[in-house]
């Protein structure tokens, strides 16, 4: 990630879990990442970590919400793996 990058896109994501409940989380990625398929891959990677691999991920579940200023707590993870996840609800358990 370019150290000059100060803006990130927030992708609002709602995925139906295997038990039928909803996971709500945001994917934070550099504004330069405009390809939705890359964002969906980030969602799938996160879902796999949560034992929810195979769940549907498309524009219905994940859409660009807004642009925000990069926060220091997101920076290292974005530099290391390309994105950061803000867990909102239904992500643990």
C-alpha atoms as a PDB file:
ATOM      1  CA  UNK A   1       0.000   0.000   0.000  1.00  0.00           C
ATOM      2  CA  UNK A   2       1.340   3.392  -0.968  1.00  0.00           C
ATOM      3  CA  UNK A   3       2.276   5.354   2.136  1.00  0.00           C
ATOM      4  CA  UNK A   4       0.654   8.421   0.572  1.00  0.00           C
ATOM      5  CA  UNK A   5      -2.745   6.721   0.620  1.00  0.00           C
ATOM      6  CA  UNK A   6      -4.933   8.473   3.114  1.00  0.00           C
ATOM      7  CA  UNK A   7      -8.376   7.380   1.931  1.00  0.00           C
ATOM      8  CA  UNK A   8     -10.033   3.976   2.079  1.00  0.00           C
ATOM      9  CA  UNK A   9     -13.286   2.573   0.763  1.00  0.00           C
ATOM     10  CA  UNK A  10     -15.714   1.066   3.242  1.00  0.00           C
ATOM     11  CA  UNK A  11     -17.617  -1.908   1.801  1.00  0.00           C
ATOM     12  CA  UNK A  12     -20.769  -2.611   3.835  1.00  0.00           C
ATOM     13  CA  UNK A  13     -21.262  -6.380   3.965  1.00  0.00           C
ATOM     14  CA  UNK A  14     -24.139  -8.593   5.132  1.00  0.00           C
ATOM     15  CA  UNK A  15     -23.685 -12.341   4.677  1.00  0.00           C
ATOM     16  CA  UNK A  16     -26.132 -15.076   5.673  1.00  0.00           C
ATOM     17  CA  UNK A  17     -24.313 -17.574   7.867  1.00  0.00           C
ATOM     18  CA  UNK A  18     -24.712 -21.353   7.610  1.00  0.00           C
ATOM     19  CA  UNK A  19     -27.121 -21.244  10.578  1.00  0.00           C
ATOM     20  CA  UNK A  20     -29.316 -18.638   8.840  1.00  0.00           C
ATOM     21  CA  UNK A  21     -28.217 -15.698  10.987  1.00  0.00           C
ATOM     22  CA  UNK A  22     -26.665 -12.585   9.469  1.00  0.00           C
ATOM     23  CA  UNK A  23     -23.051 -11.465   9.748  1.00  0.00           C
ATOM     24  CA  UNK A  24     -22.600  -7.713   9.334  1.00  0.00           C
ATOM     25  CA  UNK A  25     -19.106  -6.367   8.810  1.00  0.00           C
ATOM     26  CA  UNK A  26     -17.250  -3.765   6.807  1.00  0.00           C
ATOM     27  CA  UNK A  27     -14.311  -4.448   4.533  1.00  0.00           C
ATOM     28  CA  UNK A  28     -11.859  -1.523   4.564  1.00  0.00           C
ATOM     29  CA  UNK A  29      -9.631  -1.374   1.472  1.00  0.00           C
ATOM     30  CA  UNK A  30      -7.535   1.250  -0.314  1.00  0.00           C
ATOM     31  CA  UNK A  31      -9.541   3.498  -2.664  1.00  0.00           C
ATOM     32  CA  UNK A  32      -7.261   2.285  -5.467  1.00  0.00           C
ATOM     33  CA  UNK A  33      -8.876  -1.171  -5.246  1.00  0.00           C
ATOM     34  CA  UNK A  34     -11.864  -0.677  -7.526  1.00  0.00           C
ATOM     35  CA  UNK A  35     -12.342  -4.256  -8.746  1.00  0.00           C
ATOM     36  CA  UNK A  36     -15.296  -5.756  -6.865  1.00  0.00           C
ATOM     37  CA  UNK A  37     -13.985  -9.295  -7.427  1.00  0.00           C
ATOM     38  CA  UNK A  38     -10.929  -8.435  -5.298  1.00  0.00           C
ATOM     39  CA  UNK A  39     -13.190  -7.158  -2.509  1.00  0.00           C
ATOM     40  CA  UNK A  40     -15.362 -10.294  -2.752  1.00  0.00           C
ATOM     41  CA  UNK A  41     -12.199 -12.400  -2.412  1.00  0.00           C
ATOM     42  CA  UNK A  42     -11.377 -10.475   0.776  1.00  0.00           C
ATOM     43  CA  UNK A  43     -14.892 -11.252   2.039  1.00  0.00           C
ATOM     44  CA  UNK A  44     -14.445 -14.947   1.209  1.00  0.00           C
ATOM     45  CA  UNK A  45     -11.064 -15.022   2.950  1.00  0.00           C
ATOM     46  CA  UNK A  46     -12.618 -13.494   6.074  1.00  0.00           C
ATOM     47  CA  UNK A  47     -15.602 -15.885   5.940  1.00  0.00           C
ATOM     48  CA  UNK A  48     -13.213 -18.849   5.768  1.00  0.00           C
ATOM     49  CA  UNK A  49     -11.483 -17.616   8.935  1.00  0.00           C
ATOM     50  CA  UNK A  50     -14.924 -17.556  10.595  1.00  0.00           C
ATOM     51  CA  UNK A  51     -15.909 -21.063   9.419  1.00  0.00           C
ATOM     52  CA  UNK A  52     -18.433 -19.620   6.962  1.00  0.00           C
ATOM     53  CA  UNK A  53     -16.739 -20.481   3.674  1.00  0.00           C
ATOM     54  CA  UNK A  54     -19.028 -21.173   0.724  1.00  0.00           C
ATOM     55  CA  UNK A  55     -21.592 -18.526   1.614  1.00  0.00           C
ATOM     56  CA  UNK A  56     -22.875 -16.277  -1.181  1.00  0.00           C
ATOM     57  CA  UNK A  57     -20.880 -13.113  -1.818  1.00  0.00           C
ATOM     58  CA  UNK A  58     -22.076 -10.677  -4.501  1.00  0.00           C
ATOM     59  CA  UNK A  59     -23.177  -7.073  -4.973  1.00  0.00           C
ATOM     60  CA  UNK A  60     -26.307  -7.973  -2.995  1.00  0.00           C
ATOM     61  CA  UNK A  61     -24.209  -8.873   0.075  1.00  0.00           C
ATOM     62  CA  UNK A  62     -21.335  -6.421  -0.313  1.00  0.00           C
ATOM     63  CA  UNK A  63     -21.477  -2.893  -1.681  1.00  0.00           C
ATOM     64  CA  UNK A  64     -19.385   0.222  -1.551  1.00  0.00           C
ATOM     65  CA  UNK A  65     -20.751   2.414   1.200  1.00  0.00           C
ATOM     66  CA  UNK A  66     -18.460   5.407   1.555  1.00  0.00           C
ATOM     67  CA  UNK A  67     -14.900   6.730   1.544  1.00  0.00           C
ATOM     68  CA  UNK A  68     -13.172   7.412   4.830  1.00  0.00           C
ATOM     69  CA  UNK A  69      -9.797   8.630   6.045  1.00  0.00           C
ATOM     70  CA  UNK A  70      -7.372   5.818   6.828  1.00  0.00           C
ATOM     71  CA  UNK A  71      -7.167   5.173  10.582  1.00  0.00           C
ATOM     72  CA  UNK A  72      -3.834   4.123  12.114  1.00  0.00           C
ATOM     73  CA  UNK A  73      -5.365   0.925  13.566  1.00  0.00           C
ATOM     74  CA  UNK A  74      -6.233  -0.263  10.031  1.00  0.00           C
ATOM     75  CA  UNK A  75      -2.913   0.624   8.385  1.00  0.00           C
ATOM     76  CA  UNK A  76      -0.695  -2.363   9.266  1.00  0.00           C
ATOM     77  CA  UNK A  77      -3.309  -4.989   8.422  1.00  0.00           C
ATOM     78  CA  UNK A  78      -4.126  -3.285   5.104  1.00  0.00           C
ATOM     79  CA  UNK A  79      -0.412  -3.152   4.271  1.00  0.00           C
ATOM     80  CA  UNK A  80       0.006  -6.840   5.181  1.00  0.00           C
ATOM     81  CA  UNK A  81      -3.068  -8.424   3.581  1.00  0.00           C
ATOM     82  CA  UNK A  82      -4.765  -5.697   1.568  1.00  0.00           C
ATOM     83  CA  UNK A  83      -7.784  -5.099   3.769  1.00  0.00           C
ATOM     84  CA  UNK A  84      -9.124  -4.684   7.290  1.00  0.00           C
ATOM     85  CA  UNK A  85     -12.405  -6.010   8.714  1.00  0.00           C
ATOM     86  CA  UNK A  86     -14.619  -4.039  11.072  1.00  0.00           C
ATOM     87  CA  UNK A  87     -16.866  -6.596  12.766  1.00  0.00           C
ATOM     88  CA  UNK A  88     -20.338  -5.198  13.426  1.00  0.00           C
ATOM     89  CA  UNK A  89     -22.706  -8.012  14.396  1.00  0.00           C
ATOM     90  CA  UNK A  90     -22.992 -11.781  14.221  1.00  0.00           C
ATOM     91  CA  UNK A  91     -19.289 -12.235  13.473  1.00  0.00           C
ATOM     92  CA  UNK A  92     -18.306 -14.167  16.581  1.00  0.00           C
ATOM     93  CA  UNK A  93     -20.328 -17.224  17.438  1.00  0.00           C
END
